[in-house]
Protein backbone atom coordinates (compact mmCIF):
# COMPACT_ATOMS: atom_id res chain seq x y z
CA MET A 1 24.75 23.88 17.00
CA THR A 2 21.21 22.33 17.91
CA ARG A 3 19.34 22.46 21.15
CA THR A 4 16.56 19.86 21.26
CA LEU A 5 13.95 19.23 23.92
CA VAL A 6 12.63 15.62 24.24
CA PHE A 7 10.00 15.20 26.40
CA GLY A 8 7.03 12.81 27.30
CA GLY A 9 5.33 11.03 30.07
CA ALA A 10 6.78 8.31 32.27
CA ARG A 11 8.01 5.34 30.37
CA SER A 12 7.12 7.07 26.93
CA GLY A 13 10.66 6.15 25.63
CA LYS A 14 12.00 9.63 25.87
CA SER A 15 15.60 8.66 27.20
CA ALA A 16 15.78 6.01 24.57
CA TYR A 17 14.93 8.42 21.74
CA ALA A 18 17.42 10.91 23.19
CA GLU A 19 20.17 8.27 23.60
CA GLN A 20 19.37 7.10 19.89
CA LEU A 21 19.81 10.82 18.65
CA ALA A 22 23.02 11.18 20.64
CA ARG A 23 24.48 7.71 19.09
CA ALA A 24 23.59 8.83 15.59
CA SER A 25 25.23 12.11 15.90
CA GLY A 26 28.70 10.73 15.65
CA LYS A 27 29.93 13.35 18.22
CA GLU A 28 31.58 12.78 21.60
CA VAL A 29 28.84 12.38 23.97
CA ILE A 30 28.82 13.93 27.56
CA TYR A 31 25.98 12.48 29.41
CA ILE A 32 24.81 14.89 32.13
CA ALA A 33 22.79 13.10 34.65
CA THR A 34 20.75 14.93 37.42
CA ALA A 35 19.56 12.03 39.38
CA GLN A 36 20.42 11.44 42.74
CA ALA A 37 20.20 7.96 44.52
CA GLY A 38 17.96 8.96 47.67
CA ASP A 39 16.73 5.38 48.15
CA GLY A 40 17.22 1.84 46.87
CA GLU A 41 14.60 2.29 44.20
CA MET A 42 16.27 5.30 42.54
CA ALA A 43 19.70 3.59 42.85
CA THR A 44 18.29 0.69 40.90
CA ARG A 45 16.93 3.13 38.19
CA ILE A 46 20.39 4.85 37.96
CA ASP A 47 22.17 1.68 37.68
CA HIS A 48 19.91 0.43 34.94
CA HIS A 49 20.51 3.84 32.90
CA ARG A 50 24.12 3.55 33.37
CA ALA A 51 24.19 -0.01 32.14
CA LEU A 52 22.43 0.85 28.78
CA ARG A 53 24.75 3.88 27.99
CA PRO A 54 27.62 3.10 25.83
CA ALA A 55 30.94 2.86 27.52
CA GLU A 56 32.65 5.58 25.47
CA TRP A 57 30.16 8.19 26.68
CA ALA A 58 31.57 10.33 29.63
CA THR A 59 29.12 10.93 32.45
CA LEU A 60 28.91 13.92 34.80
CA GLU A 61 26.49 13.96 37.60
CA GLU A 62 25.24 17.16 38.31
CA PRO A 63 22.09 17.37 40.59
CA LEU A 64 21.92 21.29 40.96
CA ARG A 65 24.17 23.51 38.83
CA LEU A 66 22.89 22.36 35.52
CA GLY A 67 23.62 25.88 33.80
CA ASP A 68 27.22 25.71 34.76
CA ALA A 69 27.67 22.15 33.74
CA ILE A 70 26.22 22.76 30.25
CA LEU A 71 28.54 25.93 29.75
CA GLN A 72 31.58 24.11 31.14
CA GLN A 73 31.16 21.06 28.92
CA ALA A 74 30.15 22.56 25.66
CA ARG A 75 32.93 22.22 23.00
CA PRO A 76 32.80 21.91 19.30
CA GLY A 77 32.34 18.22 18.18
CA ARG A 78 30.39 17.36 21.24
CA LEU A 79 26.84 16.50 22.16
CA LEU A 80 25.61 17.11 25.73
CA LEU A 81 22.69 14.99 26.66
CA VAL A 82 20.88 15.96 29.76
CA ASP A 83 18.62 13.49 31.65
CA CYS A 84 16.51 14.69 33.13
CA LEU A 85 15.03 18.42 33.71
CA THR A 86 12.27 17.26 35.87
CA LEU A 87 14.58 15.41 38.27
CA TRP A 88 16.83 18.41 38.39
CA LEU A 89 13.74 20.34 39.22
CA THR A 90 12.90 18.18 42.24
CA ASN A 91 16.64 18.53 43.53
CA LEU A 92 16.28 22.11 43.50
CA MET A 93 12.83 22.24 45.11
CA PHE A 94 14.01 20.22 47.86
CA SER A 95 17.58 21.54 48.17
CA SER A 96 17.00 23.30 51.40
CA GLY A 97 15.50 20.23 53.13
CA GLU A 98 12.25 21.94 53.54
CA ASN A 99 8.99 20.12 54.77
CA TYR A 100 6.30 21.71 52.58
CA PRO A 101 2.78 21.92 53.86
CA ASP A 102 0.08 19.75 52.28
CA VAL A 103 -2.14 22.80 51.92
CA GLY A 104 -1.22 26.51 51.57
CA ASP A 105 1.45 28.58 49.69
CA ILE A 106 4.75 26.91 48.76
CA VAL A 107 7.88 29.10 49.06
CA LEU A 108 10.50 27.75 47.09
CA PRO A 109 14.34 27.97 47.82
CA GLU A 110 16.28 30.85 46.49
CA LEU A 111 18.55 28.35 44.81
CA PHE A 112 15.70 27.03 42.94
CA HIS A 113 15.03 30.39 41.38
CA ASN A 114 18.69 31.29 40.75
CA GLU A 115 19.61 28.02 39.05
CA ARG A 116 16.37 27.89 37.03
CA ALA A 117 17.26 31.43 35.78
CA HIS A 118 20.91 30.48 35.18
CA LEU A 119 20.06 27.36 33.07
CA LEU A 120 17.68 29.51 30.88
CA ARG A 121 20.51 32.10 30.27
CA ALA A 122 22.98 29.24 29.60
CA LEU A 123 20.84 27.75 27.03
CA ALA A 124 20.22 31.20 25.40
CA GLU A 125 23.94 32.06 25.52
CA MET A 126 25.49 28.79 23.92
CA GLU A 127 25.61 30.38 20.50
CA GLU A 128 27.31 33.45 21.97
CA THR A 129 29.96 31.65 24.08
CA GLY A 130 31.82 29.47 21.34
CA CYS A 131 29.51 26.55 21.47
CA LYS A 132 28.48 26.71 17.80
CA GLY A 133 29.81 23.07 17.21
CA CYS A 134 28.12 21.57 20.23
CA ASP A 135 24.74 20.11 20.25
CA LEU A 136 22.45 19.72 23.24
CA ILE A 137 19.69 17.31 24.05
CA LEU A 138 17.55 18.00 27.11
CA VAL A 139 15.19 15.30 28.31
CA SER A 140 12.21 16.25 30.42
CA ASN A 141 8.88 14.71 31.71
CA GLU A 142 5.46 15.98 30.59
CA VAL A 143 3.65 15.64 33.99
CA GLY A 144 0.58 18.00 33.24
CA MET A 145 -1.41 15.66 31.15
CA GLY A 146 -3.08 13.71 33.89
CA ILE A 147 -5.19 14.53 37.03
CA VAL A 148 -4.23 17.36 39.24
CA PRO A 149 -2.13 16.07 41.84
CA TYR A 150 -3.19 16.02 45.76
CA GLY A 151 -0.96 18.34 48.00
CA ALA A 152 0.36 21.75 47.46
CA ILE A 153 3.92 20.68 46.65
CA SER A 154 2.77 18.24 44.13
CA ARG A 155 0.55 21.00 42.56
CA CYS A 156 3.76 23.26 42.63
CA PHE A 157 5.87 20.79 40.90
CA THR A 158 3.47 20.02 38.21
CA ASP A 159 3.27 23.93 37.59
CA GLU A 160 7.09 24.61 37.67
CA ALA A 161 7.66 21.41 35.34
CA GLY A 162 5.11 22.97 32.92
CA ARG A 163 6.54 26.22 33.11
CA LEU A 164 10.09 25.04 32.68
CA ASN A 165 9.15 22.90 29.71
CA GLN A 166 7.71 25.89 27.94
CA ALA A 167 10.67 28.21 28.63
CA VAL A 168 13.20 25.59 27.39
CA ALA A 169 10.93 24.70 24.38
CA ALA A 170 10.95 28.47 23.53
CA ILE A 171 14.69 28.57 23.55
CA CYS A 172 15.45 25.11 21.93
CA ASP A 173 15.55 24.77 18.12
CA LYS A 174 13.60 21.56 18.24
CA ALA A 175 11.15 20.11 20.47
CA VAL A 176 9.94 16.36 20.24
CA PHE A 177 7.12 14.87 22.21
CA ILE A 178 7.40 11.30 22.83
CA ALA A 179 4.34 9.10 23.27
CA ALA A 180 4.45 5.06 23.34
CA GLY A 181 7.91 5.40 21.97
CA LEU A 182 6.99 7.34 18.93
CA PRO A 183 8.15 10.89 18.29
CA LEU A 184 5.97 13.74 17.53
CA HIS A 185 8.00 16.67 16.08
CA LEU A 186 6.51 19.95 17.54
CA LYS A 187 9.28 22.45 16.55
CA GLY A 188 11.95 22.23 13.99
CA ALA A 189 12.74 19.75 11.51
CA PRO A 190 12.42 15.99 12.28
CA CYS A 191 15.65 14.78 14.09
C-alpha cells in the first residue's frame, strides 16, 4: 500500500500527473471526486475532467464524507484517486451556508473539524484496516505561494489548506510537488 500526495498550483498539471500514476498502476481505479457543480463554470470543469478519465474507472462523488468514502472503497488490488482535497475543504467550510465576514474571526462549522479529523484518521488507519493492497493518490492545491488574499475567509482557507497539506504529507508515504507539469519528489522514492 502506498499513499501519495500530489499537489501544486492551479493548472500545474497535478491532476494529469495523478491520473498518469493511476493508469500506470495496473489496478482497478476508483476516482473519488469532491467537486460540486455550484455554477455553470464549475459544471463545465467537472464535465471536462469526466471526459478525460478512462471509461473503465469507476467514479464516486463525495463532497463531504471523504474519510468514510476512502475506507469504504479501499480493497486489495484497487487504487483510489481523490481529486481534490482543496475543493473538499471548501465544501466543508461552506457546508452550513454561513456568510462569513470580510474582517474578523472566522468560526468554521463543526462538520469541518469533524470530517478533517476523520480524514486524517482514515489515512493513518488504512494499513490497520485491511487496505494493504490498496494504493491511494490524493490531489491538492498549493495555495500559499502567492500574495496574502483579501478577506478573512480567503485567508482562513489559505491557512487551512496549508495545514491540511502538511498533515496529509506527514501521513503519506510519498509527496510530489508539480510545477509546470514537472514533478518534484519531496518525500519517498520517485513514482
